[in-house]
Amino acid sequence: MAKKKTKKEVPVIGGKFITNDELTSVKAAVEAVNRLQMQVGGIELQKHDLMHTMKMKTDVLEAVQKTLEEKYGDVSIDIVTGEMKDNAPNTEN
């Protein structure tokens, strides 16, 4: 007589088992969390790269500002028109 196939069960503590459906659900949830953790790690690397790039660009901006201040003194520059205005305090009263 042929044996009837039963659902394969996975052993746990004390020889007890969860069902295959439960195991599948747990595996799917763990895999989803692992994928998300990998994505977060990738985003953190992108963030680090962007922060480094921003620091380099800020350094360039500060160097340009210093050069302009040495050439024109303490002025404000309209970055749309290039017009300069003196930042010296107004002593007229």
C-alpha atoms as a PDB file:
ATOM      1  CA  MET A   1       0.000   0.000   0.000  1.00  0.00           C
ATOM      2  CA  ALA A   2       1.379   3.471  -0.959  1.00  0.00           C
ATOM      3  CA  LYS A   3       2.157   5.864   1.808  1.00  0.00           C
ATOM      4  CA  LYS A   4       0.171   9.056   1.892  1.00  0.00           C
ATOM      5  CA  LYS A   5       2.437  12.122   1.555  1.00  0.00           C
ATOM      6  CA  THR A   6       2.163  14.619   4.367  1.00  0.00           C
ATOM      7  CA  LYS A   7       3.302  18.202   4.490  1.00  0.00           C
ATOM      8  CA  LYS A   8       7.002  18.465   5.154  1.00  0.00           C
ATOM      9  CA  GLU A   9       7.569  20.129   8.512  1.00  0.00           C
ATOM     10  CA  VAL A  10      10.654  21.868   9.780  1.00  0.00           C
ATOM     11  CA  PRO A  11      11.994  20.859  13.212  1.00  0.00           C
ATOM     12  CA  VAL A  12      12.123  23.423  15.980  1.00  0.00           C
ATOM     13  CA  ILE A  13      12.870  23.225  19.712  1.00  0.00           C
ATOM     14  CA  GLY A  14      11.619  20.012  21.286  1.00  0.00           C
ATOM     15  CA  GLY A  15      10.809  18.312  17.984  1.00  0.00           C
ATOM     16  CA  LYS A  16       7.830  20.607  17.311  1.00  0.00           C
ATOM     17  CA  PHE A  17       7.224  22.009  13.861  1.00  0.00           C
ATOM     18  CA  ILE A  18       5.624  24.961  12.174  1.00  0.00           C
ATOM     19  CA  THR A  19       3.698  24.431   8.976  1.00  0.00           C
ATOM     20  CA  ASN A  20       5.236  25.023   5.579  1.00  0.00           C
ATOM     21  CA  ASP A  21       2.898  27.968   5.072  1.00  0.00           C
ATOM     22  CA  GLU A  22       4.086  29.517   8.330  1.00  0.00           C
ATOM     23  CA  LEU A  23       7.702  28.874   7.397  1.00  0.00           C
ATOM     24  CA  THR A  24       7.141  30.438   3.994  1.00  0.00           C
ATOM     25  CA  SER A  25       5.571  33.494   5.633  1.00  0.00           C
ATOM     26  CA  VAL A  26       8.455  33.884   8.083  1.00  0.00           C
ATOM     27  CA  LYS A  27      11.057  33.494   5.330  1.00  0.00           C
ATOM     28  CA  ALA A  28       9.277  36.056   3.143  1.00  0.00           C
ATOM     29  CA  ALA A  29       9.124  38.559   6.004  1.00  0.00           C
ATOM     30  CA  VAL A  30      12.811  38.078   6.882  1.00  0.00           C
ATOM     31  CA  GLU A  31      13.835  38.435   3.232  1.00  0.00           C
ATOM     32  CA  ALA A  32      11.769  41.629   2.917  1.00  0.00           C
ATOM     33  CA  VAL A  33      13.437  43.124   6.001  1.00  0.00           C
ATOM     34  CA  ASN A  34      16.887  42.115   4.719  1.00  0.00           C
ATOM     35  CA  ARG A  35      16.195  43.725   1.323  1.00  0.00           C
ATOM     36  CA  LEU A  36      15.075  46.931   3.013  1.00  0.00           C
ATOM     37  CA  GLN A  37      18.174  46.976   5.227  1.00  0.00           C
ATOM     38  CA  MET A  38      20.338  46.640   2.116  1.00  0.00           C
ATOM     39  CA  GLN A  39      18.468  49.517   0.464  1.00  0.00           C
ATOM     40  CA  VAL A  40      18.907  51.706   3.547  1.00  0.00           C
ATOM     41  CA  GLY A  41      22.630  50.912   3.510  1.00  0.00           C
ATOM     42  CA  GLY A  42      22.828  51.928  -0.142  1.00  0.00           C
ATOM     43  CA  ILE A  43      21.005  55.161   0.576  1.00  0.00           C
ATOM     44  CA  GLU A  44      23.381  55.903   3.459  1.00  0.00           C
ATOM     45  CA  LEU A  45      26.336  55.453   1.097  1.00  0.00           C
ATOM     46  CA  GLN A  46      24.713  57.836  -1.391  1.00  0.00           C
ATOM     47  CA  LYS A  47      24.121  60.313   1.430  1.00  0.00           C
ATOM     48  CA  HIS A  48      27.782  60.106   2.458  1.00  0.00           C
ATOM     49  CA  ASP A  49      28.917  60.716  -1.123  1.00  0.00           C
ATOM     50  CA  LEU A  50      26.543  63.670  -1.485  1.00  0.00           C
ATOM     51  CA  MET A  51      27.689  65.194   1.798  1.00  0.00           C
ATOM     52  CA  HIS A  52      31.324  64.878   0.672  1.00  0.00           C
ATOM     53  CA  THR A  53      30.511  66.496  -2.682  1.00  0.00           C
ATOM     54  CA  MET A  54      28.597  69.286  -0.950  1.00  0.00           C
ATOM     55  CA  LYS A  55      31.594  69.971   1.310  1.00  0.00           C
ATOM     56  CA  MET A  56      33.899  70.216  -1.708  1.00  0.00           C
ATOM     57  CA  LYS A  57      31.506  72.612  -3.490  1.00  0.00           C
ATOM     58  CA  THR A  58      31.159  74.706  -0.325  1.00  0.00           C
ATOM     59  CA  ASP A  59      34.948  74.959  -0.121  1.00  0.00           C
ATOM     60  CA  VAL A  60      35.036  76.174  -3.744  1.00  0.00           C
ATOM     61  CA  LEU A  61      32.331  78.763  -3.002  1.00  0.00           C
ATOM     62  CA  GLU A  62      34.223  80.015   0.050  1.00  0.00           C
ATOM     63  CA  ALA A  63      37.408  80.352  -2.016  1.00  0.00           C
ATOM     64  CA  VAL A  64      35.563  82.373  -4.678  1.00  0.00           C
ATOM     65  CA  GLN A  65      33.991  84.578  -1.995  1.00  0.00           C
ATOM     66  CA  LYS A  66      37.397  85.197  -0.421  1.00  0.00           C
ATOM     67  CA  THR A  67      38.896  86.125  -3.798  1.00  0.00           C
ATOM     68  CA  LEU A  68      36.042  88.549  -4.502  1.00  0.00           C
ATOM     69  CA  GLU A  69      36.320  90.085  -1.034  1.00  0.00           C
ATOM     70  CA  GLU A  70      40.067  90.619  -1.514  1.00  0.00           C
ATOM     71  CA  LYS A  71      39.410  92.281  -4.877  1.00  0.00           C
ATOM     72  CA  TYR A  72      36.272  94.344  -4.082  1.00  0.00           C
ATOM     73  CA  GLY A  73      36.248  94.592  -0.288  1.00  0.00           C
ATOM     74  CA  ASP A  74      33.253  94.022   1.960  1.00  0.00           C
ATOM     75  CA  VAL A  75      30.393  93.997  -0.552  1.00  0.00           C
ATOM     76  CA  SER A  76      27.209  92.070  -1.236  1.00  0.00           C
ATOM     77  CA  ILE A  77      26.854  90.691  -4.740  1.00  0.00           C
ATOM     78  CA  ASP A  78      23.518  90.010  -6.417  1.00  0.00           C
ATOM     79  CA  ILE A  79      24.099  86.572  -7.948  1.00  0.00           C
ATOM     80  CA  VAL A  80      21.486  87.239 -10.658  1.00  0.00           C
ATOM     81  CA  THR A  81      22.764  90.589 -11.941  1.00  0.00           C
ATOM     82  CA  GLY A  82      26.295  90.780 -10.532  1.00  0.00           C
ATOM     83  CA  GLU A  83      25.540  94.178  -8.970  1.00  0.00           C
ATOM     84  CA  MET A  84      27.669  94.987  -5.936  1.00  0.00           C
ATOM     85  CA  LYS A  85      26.530  96.920  -2.879  1.00  0.00           C
ATOM     86  CA  ASP A  86      28.832  98.188  -0.167  1.00  0.00           C
ATOM     87  CA  ASN A  87      28.389  96.448   3.188  1.00  0.00           C
ATOM     88  CA  ALA A  88      30.162  99.203   5.103  1.00  0.00           C
ATOM     89  CA  PRO A  89      27.945 100.662   7.820  1.00  0.00           C
ATOM     90  CA  ASN A  90      26.293 103.925   6.919  1.00  0.00           C
ATOM     91  CA  THR A  91      27.797 106.600   9.175  1.00  0.00           C
ATOM     92  CA  GLU A  92      25.631 109.459   7.837  1.00  0.00           C
ATOM     93  CA  ASN A  93      23.033 110.778  10.300  1.00  0.00           C
END
